[in-house]
Amino acid sequence: MCITDRELEEIGARCNSATPGPWVSFIEGRDYSGGSNFIMTGSKGNRGEDIELTGATSSDQDFIAHARQDVPKLIDEIKRLKTILGATE
């Protein structure tokens, strides 16, 4: 299955419309004591709203938080490889 340029653009658009990163997962008992699990959004100087999930495992939350940084990197790498292969549409 090949990802089209249009699909890459749509994935990128969804990512770009999400709350700016970085997103960092904080699990109570693993990363700090007290409170609930949450995803911190933004950087120190430009914090966004925290994201709290219901029903997510720690692994689910870590995956969601990392996706904010991982997806743009994956899109860039796919575009780079498509350019090398001459596979752009």
Protein backbone atom coordinates (compact mmCIF):
# COMPACT_ATOMS: atom_id res chain seq x y z
CA MET A 1 0.00 0.00 0.00
CA CYS A 2 1.38 3.37 -1.03
CA ILE A 3 0.68 6.61 0.79
CA THR A 4 -0.25 9.29 -1.71
CA ASP A 5 0.95 12.86 -1.54
CA ARG A 6 -2.63 13.89 -0.81
CA GLU A 7 -2.82 11.49 2.15
CA LEU A 8 0.47 12.87 3.49
CA GLU A 9 -0.90 16.40 3.20
CA GLU A 10 -4.11 15.40 5.02
CA ILE A 11 -2.16 13.72 7.82
CA GLY A 12 0.07 16.79 8.08
CA ALA A 13 -2.93 19.10 8.21
CA ARG A 14 -4.47 17.12 11.08
CA CYS A 15 -1.18 17.24 12.93
CA ASN A 16 -0.72 20.97 12.31
CA SER A 17 -4.21 21.75 13.61
CA ALA A 18 -3.58 19.93 16.90
CA THR A 19 -2.32 21.81 19.96
CA PRO A 20 1.33 22.75 19.40
CA GLY A 21 3.98 20.49 20.88
CA PRO A 22 5.95 19.21 22.38
CA TRP A 23 3.57 16.89 24.19
CA VAL A 24 4.94 15.06 27.23
CA SER A 25 3.22 12.20 29.03
CA PHE A 26 3.18 12.32 32.83
CA ILE A 27 2.14 9.17 34.66
CA GLU A 28 1.43 9.44 38.38
CA GLY A 29 3.77 7.15 40.30
CA ARG A 30 6.19 6.87 37.38
CA ASP A 31 6.99 10.49 36.55
CA TYR A 32 5.78 12.30 39.66
CA SER A 33 3.84 11.78 42.90
CA GLY A 34 0.30 12.99 43.42
CA GLY A 35 -2.41 14.03 41.00
CA SER A 36 -3.61 12.25 37.89
CA ASN A 37 -2.09 11.14 34.61
CA PHE A 38 -1.97 13.83 31.93
CA ILE A 39 -0.26 15.01 28.77
CA MET A 40 1.46 18.39 29.09
CA THR A 41 1.29 20.41 25.88
CA GLY A 42 3.60 23.17 24.71
CA SER A 43 6.95 24.31 25.99
CA LYS A 44 7.86 26.07 29.21
CA GLY A 45 7.38 29.54 27.77
CA ASN A 46 4.24 28.64 25.82
CA ARG A 47 2.27 26.02 27.76
CA GLY A 48 -1.04 24.82 26.41
CA GLU A 49 -3.89 23.09 28.19
CA ASP A 50 -3.10 19.74 29.78
CA ILE A 51 -4.82 16.75 28.20
CA GLU A 52 -6.40 14.21 30.52
CA LEU A 53 -7.57 10.89 29.11
CA THR A 54 -10.16 8.48 30.42
CA GLY A 55 -9.72 4.76 29.94
CA ALA A 56 -6.23 4.96 28.46
CA THR A 57 -3.43 2.74 29.66
CA SER A 58 -0.05 4.30 30.44
CA SER A 59 1.19 2.88 27.13
CA ASP A 60 -1.77 4.43 25.26
CA GLN A 61 -1.06 7.82 26.82
CA ASP A 62 2.66 7.61 26.03
CA PHE A 63 1.83 6.70 22.41
CA ILE A 64 -0.59 9.62 22.02
CA ALA A 65 1.85 12.09 23.55
CA HIS A 66 4.77 10.91 21.42
CA ALA A 67 2.66 10.91 18.25
CA ARG A 68 2.63 14.74 18.37
CA GLN A 69 6.39 14.71 17.73
CA ASP A 70 6.65 11.41 15.83
CA VAL A 71 4.06 12.02 13.09
CA PRO A 72 5.73 15.16 11.64
CA LYS A 73 9.10 13.35 11.60
CA LEU A 74 7.57 10.38 9.82
CA ILE A 75 5.88 12.62 7.25
CA ASP A 76 9.16 14.41 6.54
CA GLU A 77 10.99 11.10 6.17
CA ILE A 78 8.37 9.69 3.79
CA LYS A 79 8.56 12.84 1.66
CA ARG A 80 12.35 12.66 1.63
CA LEU A 81 12.33 9.03 0.54
CA LYS A 82 9.67 9.63 -2.11
CA THR A 83 11.83 12.42 -3.53
CA ILE A 84 14.88 10.16 -3.65
CA LEU A 85 12.85 7.45 -5.36
CA GLY A 86 11.16 9.92 -7.70
CA ALA A 87 7.82 8.66 -6.40
CA THR A 88 6.03 11.95 -5.92
CA GLU A 89 2.65 12.39 -7.58
